Structure formats: C-alpha cells, structure tokens
C-alpha atoms as a PDB file:
ATOM      1  CA  MET A   1      13.326 -21.909  -8.332  1.00  0.00           C
ATOM      2  CA  VAL A   2      12.773 -18.535  -6.667  1.00  0.00           C
ATOM      3  CA  SER A   3      11.471 -18.433  -3.090  1.00  0.00           C
ATOM      4  CA  GLU A   4       8.282 -16.527  -2.264  1.00  0.00           C
ATOM      5  CA  LYS A   5      10.300 -14.063  -0.171  1.00  0.00           C
ATOM      6  CA  LYS A   6      12.658 -13.279  -3.049  1.00  0.00           C
ATOM      7  CA  ALA A   7       9.733 -13.107  -5.505  1.00  0.00           C
ATOM      8  CA  SER A   8       8.051 -10.460  -3.318  1.00  0.00           C
ATOM      9  CA  ALA A   9      11.221  -8.358  -3.290  1.00  0.00           C
ATOM     10  CA  VAL A  10      11.623  -8.706  -7.072  1.00  0.00           C
ATOM     11  CA  LEU A  11       7.965  -7.731  -7.550  1.00  0.00           C
ATOM     12  CA  LYS A  12       8.558  -4.411  -5.772  1.00  0.00           C
ATOM     13  CA  GLY A  13      11.338  -3.478  -8.191  1.00  0.00           C
ATOM     14  CA  PHE A  14       9.364  -4.700 -11.188  1.00  0.00           C
ATOM     15  CA  SER A  15       6.318  -2.648 -10.142  1.00  0.00           C
ATOM     16  CA  LYS A  16       8.385   0.521  -9.746  1.00  0.00           C
ATOM     17  CA  LYS A  17       9.938   0.097 -13.178  1.00  0.00           C
ATOM     18  CA  TYR A  18       7.036  -1.252 -15.242  1.00  0.00           C
ATOM     19  CA  HIS A  19       3.776  -0.475 -13.442  1.00  0.00           C
ATOM     20  CA  LEU A  20       4.325   2.938 -11.919  1.00  0.00           C
ATOM     21  CA  ALA A  21       6.726   4.593 -14.395  1.00  0.00           C
ATOM     22  CA  PRO A  22       6.058   6.080 -17.836  1.00  0.00           C
ATOM     23  CA  PRO A  23       5.541   4.966 -20.539  1.00  0.00           C
ATOM     24  CA  TYR A  24       4.519   1.580 -19.084  1.00  0.00           C
ATOM     25  CA  ASN A  25       1.981   3.014 -16.634  1.00  0.00           C
ATOM     26  CA  GLN A  26      -0.285   3.879 -19.583  1.00  0.00           C
ATOM     27  CA  TYR A  27      -0.612   0.165 -20.351  1.00  0.00           C
ATOM     28  CA  VAL A  28       0.140  -1.803 -17.167  1.00  0.00           C
ATOM     29  CA  SER A  29      -2.632  -1.615 -14.562  1.00  0.00           C
ATOM     30  CA  GLY A  30      -0.909  -3.807 -11.982  1.00  0.00           C
ATOM     31  CA  ALA A  31       1.683  -6.468 -11.319  1.00  0.00           C
ATOM     32  CA  GLY A  32       1.668  -9.647  -9.296  1.00  0.00           C
ATOM     33  CA  ILE A  33       3.113 -13.092  -8.775  1.00  0.00           C
ATOM     34  CA  GLN A  34       1.550 -16.290 -10.051  1.00  0.00           C
ATOM     35  CA  SER A  35       2.571 -19.906 -10.064  1.00  0.00           C
ATOM     36  CA  LYS A  36       2.718 -21.068 -13.685  1.00  0.00           C
ATOM     37  CA  ARG A  37       3.409 -24.432 -15.240  1.00  0.00           C
ATOM     38  CA  THR A  38       6.202 -24.098 -17.739  1.00  0.00           C
ATOM     39  CA  GLY A  39       8.523 -26.546 -19.385  1.00  0.00           C
ATOM     40  CA  ARG A  40      12.166 -25.804 -19.974  1.00  0.00           C
ATOM     41  CA  ASP A  41      11.301 -24.785 -23.508  1.00  0.00           C
ATOM     42  CA  GLY A  42       8.526 -22.442 -22.319  1.00  0.00           C
ATOM     43  CA  ARG A  43       5.572 -24.693 -23.106  1.00  0.00           C
ATOM     44  CA  LYS A  44       2.572 -23.767 -20.970  1.00  0.00           C
ATOM     45  CA  HIS A  45       1.694 -27.400 -20.339  1.00  0.00           C
ATOM     46  CA  GLY A  46       5.134 -28.429 -19.131  1.00  0.00           C
ATOM     47  CA  LYS A  47       5.700 -30.285 -15.888  1.00  0.00           C
ATOM     48  CA  LEU A  48       7.678 -27.632 -14.022  1.00  0.00           C
ATOM     49  CA  GLU A  49       5.856 -25.123 -11.851  1.00  0.00           C
ATOM     50  CA  GLU A  50       7.539 -21.834 -11.046  1.00  0.00           C
ATOM     51  CA  LEU A  51       6.719 -18.401  -9.686  1.00  0.00           C
ATOM     52  CA  CYS A  52       6.406 -15.793 -12.427  1.00  0.00           C
ATOM     53  CA  LEU A  53       5.916 -12.041 -12.468  1.00  0.00           C
ATOM     54  CA  VAL A  54       2.683 -11.038 -14.170  1.00  0.00           C
ATOM     55  CA  ALA A  55       2.020  -7.638 -15.725  1.00  0.00           C
ATOM     56  CA  TYR A  56      -1.724  -6.996 -15.947  1.00  0.00           C
ATOM     57  CA  LEU A  57      -2.471  -4.933 -19.052  1.00  0.00           C
ATOM     58  CA  LYS A  58      -5.316  -2.433 -19.371  1.00  0.00           C
ATOM     59  CA  LYS A  59      -4.542  -2.060 -23.080  1.00  0.00           C
ATOM     60  CA  PRO A  60      -2.199  -3.901 -25.441  1.00  0.00           C
ATOM     61  CA  LEU A  61       1.407  -2.766 -25.567  1.00  0.00           C
ATOM     62  CA  PRO A  62       2.400  -1.069 -28.831  1.00  0.00           C
ATOM     63  CA  SER A  63       5.248  -2.680 -30.757  1.00  0.00           C
ATOM     64  CA  SER A  64       7.548   0.165 -29.694  1.00  0.00           C
ATOM     65  CA  ILE A  65       7.234  -0.763 -25.982  1.00  0.00           C
ATOM     66  CA  LYS A  66       8.423  -4.150 -24.721  1.00  0.00           C
ATOM     67  CA  LEU A  67       8.436  -5.837 -21.350  1.00  0.00           C
ATOM     68  CA  PRO A  68      11.396  -8.097 -20.579  1.00  0.00           C
ATOM     69  CA  SER A  69      10.990 -11.876 -20.853  1.00  0.00           C
ATOM     70  CA  PHE A  70      12.831 -12.223 -17.535  1.00  0.00           C
ATOM     71  CA  TYR A  71      13.364  -9.746 -14.709  1.00  0.00           C
ATOM     72  CA  GLU A  72      15.968 -10.475 -12.023  1.00  0.00           C
ATOM     73  CA  GLY A  73      15.810 -14.198 -12.774  1.00  0.00           C
ATOM     74  CA  MET A  74      12.021 -14.472 -12.890  1.00  0.00           C
ATOM     75  CA  LYS A  75       9.944 -15.153 -15.992  1.00  0.00           C
ATOM     76  CA  VAL A  76       7.623 -12.279 -16.948  1.00  0.00           C
ATOM     77  CA  CYS A  77       4.126 -13.060 -18.267  1.00  0.00           C
ATOM     78  CA  THR A  78       1.323 -10.721 -19.303  1.00  0.00           C
ATOM     79  CA  GLU A  79      -2.430 -10.932 -18.847  1.00  0.00           C
ATOM     80  CA  TYR A  80      -4.808  -8.633 -20.674  1.00  0.00           C
ATOM     81  CA  LEU A  81      -7.566  -7.432 -18.348  1.00  0.00           C
ATOM     82  CA  GLY A  82      -8.888  -4.563 -20.439  1.00  0.00           C
ATOM     83  CA  PRO A  83      -9.697  -1.056 -19.211  1.00  0.00           C
ATOM     84  CA  LEU A  84     -10.358  -0.591 -15.514  1.00  0.00           C
ATOM     85  CA  LYS A  85     -14.012   0.113 -14.771  1.00  0.00           C
ATOM     86  CA  PRO A  86     -15.043   2.228 -11.776  1.00  0.00           C
ATOM     87  CA  GLU A  87     -17.255   0.458  -9.263  1.00  0.00           C
END
C-alpha cells in the first residue's frame, strides 16, 4: 500500500504528464487521489482499500489515446465529469 506522502509526490508527476501536457490536456480536466475498494482481481467491491490516482475527464478519451492502468505503482482510475462550466 502506498503512503499518502508518496501518493502526493506521484500525483505531481502524473498531473504534469497527463493533465497539463498535450494531447491529454484536451480531455483531462484534473487529477487527484481517492481511496478505492479493489480486490486483487480488480473487482470494485473487493475487500482491499487502496489509494488510487484519478484522472477527471471533461470528455471521453478517443481510442487512440490511453491512460496507463498503473503509474509509479499506483492504480489509475478515471471519472467522467463532463465539460467544465463557468460559474
């Protein structure tokens, strides 16, 4: 299991590579860390809880662009938020 301190450091690198850089920045509106329940086989309702990197998507990724399943030892998940709306 990754510590919160290490997860924060990994998040910085992940954000630079997948949130702020082209072509990902057209699709990824942000990145964060969440605690997710996953089993060893990846089931969402497993018993293990671990820190995961989350890429928040403003639009779906095309098939030609992929995010990694793991980044520096951390599982990568996506959440679709839709387009950002000005307040």
